Amino acid sequence: MLEKMKALARTKDTCVLATVSGVEPHCSLMSYATDDDCREIYMITHKQTKKYRNLLQNGMVSLLIDTREEDQTGGREVTKALTVNGVFQKIDGEAGKKEALARLLKKHPHLQKFADSPDAEVFAVRIKSFQLLEGISDSSFVALD
């Protein structure tokens, strides 16, 4: 089941990132890329955004990755929704940032201008668990170490 969850995370390229400040949740539509083992997810944002301020205050995040676009003809009962729980991590060192950015730009070349901004910050989400919902009732959960 874990490999099925990782495969879904690897093949998709957008997610909803949920952050929180105090008791107020905030959701953002994000482009992303994964590392080879699908233990980390890389994203980029501007440092002055609400999401980035939230990440600095509370690093616990949740991501939603789904298949609703390709499942339109089969009906919603076949849609898959992958919830990824994880922890925000700044990427230390220029080499690590360059590698994460290269992964992002390979999957999302349209982000080049955004990435060139001096205010842009590449970051990682270290994955703690996956929960896959297939259809409306078939659910599987896997915690990572």
C-alpha atoms as a PDB file:
ATOM      1  CA  MET A   1       0.000   0.000   0.000  1.00  0.00           C
ATOM      2  CA  LEU A   2       2.850   2.385   0.808  1.00  0.00           C
ATOM      3  CA  GLU A   3       4.233   2.102  -2.728  1.00  0.00           C
ATOM      4  CA  LYS A   4       0.786   2.892  -4.147  1.00  0.00           C
ATOM      5  CA  MET A   5       0.648   6.018  -1.962  1.00  0.00           C
ATOM      6  CA  LYS A   6       4.148   7.106  -2.970  1.00  0.00           C
ATOM      7  CA  ALA A   7       3.339   6.505  -6.652  1.00  0.00           C
ATOM      8  CA  LEU A   8       0.342   8.829  -6.410  1.00  0.00           C
ATOM      9  CA  ALA A   9       2.445  11.527  -4.731  1.00  0.00           C
ATOM     10  CA  ARG A  10       5.160  11.183  -7.396  1.00  0.00           C
ATOM     11  CA  THR A  11       2.837  11.293 -10.409  1.00  0.00           C
ATOM     12  CA  LYS A  12       0.748  14.289  -9.367  1.00  0.00           C
ATOM     13  CA  ASP A  13       2.233  17.782  -9.248  1.00  0.00           C
ATOM     14  CA  THR A  14      -0.186  20.018  -7.342  1.00  0.00           C
ATOM     15  CA  CYS A  15      -1.572  19.804  -3.843  1.00  0.00           C
ATOM     16  CA  VAL A  16      -3.423  21.817  -1.252  1.00  0.00           C
ATOM     17  CA  LEU A  17      -1.104  22.829   1.583  1.00  0.00           C
ATOM     18  CA  ALA A  18      -2.824  23.411   4.929  1.00  0.00           C
ATOM     19  CA  THR A  19      -0.978  25.499   7.510  1.00  0.00           C
ATOM     20  CA  VAL A  20      -2.143  27.015  10.780  1.00  0.00           C
ATOM     21  CA  SER A  21      -1.523  30.155  12.793  1.00  0.00           C
ATOM     22  CA  GLY A  22      -2.911  29.976  16.310  1.00  0.00           C
ATOM     23  CA  VAL A  23      -6.275  28.310  15.752  1.00  0.00           C
ATOM     24  CA  GLU A  24      -6.834  29.646  12.223  1.00  0.00           C
ATOM     25  CA  PRO A  25      -6.176  27.235   9.323  1.00  0.00           C
ATOM     26  CA  HIS A  26      -5.019  28.478   5.940  1.00  0.00           C
ATOM     27  CA  CYS A  27      -5.002  26.539   2.633  1.00  0.00           C
ATOM     28  CA  SER A  28      -2.855  27.198  -0.426  1.00  0.00           C
ATOM     29  CA  LEU A  29      -2.771  25.539  -3.836  1.00  0.00           C
ATOM     30  CA  MET A  30       0.860  24.573  -4.448  1.00  0.00           C
ATOM     31  CA  SER A  31       3.077  23.033  -7.103  1.00  0.00           C
ATOM     32  CA  TYR A  32       5.432  20.410  -5.717  1.00  0.00           C
ATOM     33  CA  ALA A  33       8.040  17.750  -6.449  1.00  0.00           C
ATOM     34  CA  THR A  34       9.180  14.802  -4.339  1.00  0.00           C
ATOM     35  CA  ASP A  35      12.575  13.333  -3.545  1.00  0.00           C
ATOM     36  CA  ASP A  36      13.415   9.893  -4.969  1.00  0.00           C
ATOM     37  CA  ASP A  37      12.160   7.953  -1.936  1.00  0.00           C
ATOM     38  CA  CYS A  38       9.072  10.145  -1.475  1.00  0.00           C
ATOM     39  CA  ARG A  39      10.071  11.052   2.078  1.00  0.00           C
ATOM     40  CA  GLU A  40      10.200  14.783   1.333  1.00  0.00           C
ATOM     41  CA  ILE A  41       8.085  17.098  -0.764  1.00  0.00           C
ATOM     42  CA  TYR A  42       9.600  20.328  -2.113  1.00  0.00           C
ATOM     43  CA  MET A  43       7.749  23.587  -2.688  1.00  0.00           C
ATOM     44  CA  ILE A  44       8.562  27.234  -3.235  1.00  0.00           C
ATOM     45  CA  THR A  45       6.913  30.373  -1.904  1.00  0.00           C
ATOM     46  CA  HIS A  46       7.664  34.002  -1.248  1.00  0.00           C
ATOM     47  CA  LYS A  47       8.880  34.771   2.267  1.00  0.00           C
ATOM     48  CA  GLN A  48       6.236  37.485   2.778  1.00  0.00           C
ATOM     49  CA  THR A  49       3.217  35.181   2.366  1.00  0.00           C
ATOM     50  CA  LYS A  50       0.780  34.139   5.064  1.00  0.00           C
ATOM     51  CA  LYS A  51       1.606  30.474   4.437  1.00  0.00           C
ATOM     52  CA  TYR A  52       5.322  31.070   5.032  1.00  0.00           C
ATOM     53  CA  ARG A  53       4.685  33.029   8.231  1.00  0.00           C
ATOM     54  CA  ASN A  54       2.431  30.177   9.379  1.00  0.00           C
ATOM     55  CA  LEU A  55       5.126  27.599   8.562  1.00  0.00           C
ATOM     56  CA  LEU A  56       7.665  29.498  10.650  1.00  0.00           C
ATOM     57  CA  GLN A  57       5.229  29.662  13.601  1.00  0.00           C
ATOM     58  CA  ASN A  58       3.928  26.082  13.401  1.00  0.00           C
ATOM     59  CA  GLY A  59       5.702  23.563  11.210  1.00  0.00           C
ATOM     60  CA  MET A  60       2.950  20.931  11.287  1.00  0.00           C
ATOM     61  CA  VAL A  61       1.276  20.706   7.875  1.00  0.00           C
ATOM     62  CA  SER A  62      -1.184  18.622   5.946  1.00  0.00           C
ATOM     63  CA  LEU A  63      -1.270  18.201   2.165  1.00  0.00           C
ATOM     64  CA  LEU A  64      -4.096  16.940  -0.018  1.00  0.00           C
ATOM     65  CA  ILE A  65      -3.257  15.316  -3.353  1.00  0.00           C
ATOM     66  CA  ASP A  66      -6.151  13.960  -5.409  1.00  0.00           C
ATOM     67  CA  THR A  67      -7.184  12.448  -8.734  1.00  0.00           C
ATOM     68  CA  ARG A  68     -10.436  14.315  -9.324  1.00  0.00           C
ATOM     69  CA  GLU A  69      -9.257  15.759 -12.660  1.00  0.00           C
ATOM     70  CA  GLU A  70      -8.613  12.406 -14.326  1.00  0.00           C
ATOM     71  CA  ASP A  71     -11.571  10.677 -12.630  1.00  0.00           C
ATOM     72  CA  GLN A  72     -14.282  12.973 -14.021  1.00  0.00           C
ATOM     73  CA  THR A  73     -15.673  10.384 -16.433  1.00  0.00           C
ATOM     74  CA  GLY A  74     -15.651   7.518 -13.913  1.00  0.00           C
ATOM     75  CA  GLY A  75     -17.619   9.413 -11.304  1.00  0.00           C
ATOM     76  CA  ARG A  76     -16.545  10.604  -7.902  1.00  0.00           C
ATOM     77  CA  GLU A  77     -16.747   7.110  -6.434  1.00  0.00           C
ATOM     78  CA  VAL A  78     -13.379   6.281  -8.078  1.00  0.00           C
ATOM     79  CA  THR A  79     -11.524   9.438  -7.018  1.00  0.00           C
ATOM     80  CA  LYS A  80      -8.462   8.943  -4.846  1.00  0.00           C
ATOM     81  CA  ALA A  81      -7.493  11.450  -2.154  1.00  0.00           C
ATOM     82  CA  LEU A  82      -4.090  11.228  -0.477  1.00  0.00           C
ATOM     83  CA  THR A  83      -3.615  13.118   2.783  1.00  0.00           C
ATOM     84  CA  VAL A  84       0.026  13.673   3.652  1.00  0.00           C
ATOM     85  CA  ASN A  85       0.905  14.808   7.157  1.00  0.00           C
ATOM     86  CA  GLY A  86       4.350  16.231   7.693  1.00  0.00           C
ATOM     87  CA  VAL A  87       6.658  18.833   9.127  1.00  0.00           C
ATOM     88  CA  PHE A  88       7.995  21.972   7.471  1.00  0.00           C
ATOM     89  CA  GLN A  89      11.776  22.079   7.123  1.00  0.00           C
ATOM     90  CA  LYS A  90      14.015  24.845   5.910  1.00  0.00           C
ATOM     91  CA  ILE A  91      16.600  23.476   3.500  1.00  0.00           C
ATOM     92  CA  ASP A  92      20.104  24.081   4.783  1.00  0.00           C
ATOM     93  CA  GLY A  93      22.975  24.759   2.435  1.00  0.00           C
ATOM     94  CA  GLU A  94      23.108  25.957  -1.131  1.00  0.00           C
ATOM     95  CA  ALA A  95      23.588  22.457  -2.538  1.00  0.00           C
ATOM     96  CA  GLY A  96      20.382  21.199  -0.920  1.00  0.00           C
ATOM     97  CA  LYS A  97      18.427  24.246  -2.094  1.00  0.00           C
ATOM     98  CA  LYS A  98      19.769  23.867  -5.640  1.00  0.00           C
ATOM     99  CA  GLU A  99      18.805  20.193  -5.752  1.00  0.00           C
ATOM    100  CA  ALA A 100      15.264  20.853  -4.442  1.00  0.00           C
ATOM    101  CA  LEU A 101      14.821  23.763  -6.864  1.00  0.00           C
ATOM    102  CA  ALA A 102      16.091  21.650  -9.780  1.00  0.00           C
ATOM    103  CA  ARG A 103      13.480  18.994  -8.968  1.00  0.00           C
ATOM    104  CA  LEU A 104      10.752  21.635  -8.808  1.00  0.00           C
ATOM    105  CA  LEU A 105      11.774  23.328 -12.060  1.00  0.00           C
ATOM    106  CA  LYS A 106      12.080  20.007 -13.905  1.00  0.00           C
ATOM    107  CA  LYS A 107       8.447  19.285 -13.069  1.00  0.00           C
ATOM    108  CA  HIS A 108       7.310  22.937 -13.204  1.00  0.00           C
ATOM    109  CA  PRO A 109       9.435  24.959 -15.646  1.00  0.00           C
ATOM    110  CA  HIS A 110       6.819  27.736 -15.534  1.00  0.00           C
ATOM    111  CA  LEU A 111       8.043  28.543 -11.979  1.00  0.00           C
ATOM    112  CA  GLN A 112      11.445  29.796 -13.194  1.00  0.00           C
ATOM    113  CA  LYS A 113      10.542  33.504 -13.033  1.00  0.00           C
ATOM    114  CA  PHE A 114       8.968  32.998  -9.589  1.00  0.00           C
ATOM    115  CA  ALA A 115      12.103  31.153  -8.405  1.00  0.00           C
ATOM    116  CA  ASP A 116      14.356  33.961  -9.663  1.00  0.00           C
ATOM    117  CA  SER A 117      12.767  36.415  -7.215  1.00  0.00           C
ATOM    118  CA  PRO A 118      15.052  37.331  -4.307  1.00  0.00           C
ATOM    119  CA  ASP A 119      12.034  36.808  -2.012  1.00  0.00           C
ATOM    120  CA  ALA A 120      11.534  33.168  -3.128  1.00  0.00           C
ATOM    121  CA  GLU A 121      12.197  30.413  -0.615  1.00  0.00           C
ATOM    122  CA  VAL A 122      12.402  26.696  -1.434  1.00  0.00           C
ATOM    123  CA  PHE A 123      11.368  24.476   1.462  1.00  0.00           C
ATOM    124  CA  ALA A 124      10.691  20.846   2.285  1.00  0.00           C
ATOM    125  CA  VAL A 125       7.920  18.965   4.010  1.00  0.00           C
ATOM    126  CA  ARG A 126       9.257  15.877   5.772  1.00  0.00           C
ATOM    127  CA  ILE A 127       6.503  13.262   5.431  1.00  0.00           C
ATOM    128  CA  LYS A 128       5.255  11.660   8.645  1.00  0.00           C
ATOM    129  CA  SER A 129       2.246   9.708   7.327  1.00  0.00           C
ATOM    130  CA  PHE A 130       0.022   8.968   4.351  1.00  0.00           C
ATOM    131  CA  GLN A 131      -3.704   8.293   4.344  1.00  0.00           C
ATOM    132  CA  LEU A 132      -5.243   7.166   1.058  1.00  0.00           C
ATOM    133  CA  LEU A 133      -8.974   7.293   0.478  1.00  0.00           C
ATOM    134  CA  GLU A 134     -10.082   5.366  -2.618  1.00  0.00           C
ATOM    135  CA  GLY A 135     -13.664   6.190  -3.455  1.00  0.00           C
ATOM    136  CA  ILE A 136     -15.831   7.187  -0.528  1.00  0.00           C
ATOM    137  CA  SER A 137     -15.039   4.497   2.036  1.00  0.00           C
ATOM    138  CA  ASP A 138     -11.865   2.508   1.289  1.00  0.00           C
ATOM    139  CA  SER A 139      -9.193   4.063   3.511  1.00  0.00           C
ATOM    140  CA  SER A 140      -5.588   3.039   4.265  1.00  0.00           C
ATOM    141  CA  PHE A 141      -3.110   4.674   6.647  1.00  0.00           C
ATOM    142  CA  VAL A 142       0.680   4.304   6.797  1.00  0.00           C
ATOM    143  CA  ALA A 143       2.926   6.057   9.313  1.00  0.00           C
ATOM    144  CA  LEU A 144       6.564   6.569   8.349  1.00  0.00           C
ATOM    145  CA  ASP A 145       9.400   6.390  10.871  1.00  0.00           C
END
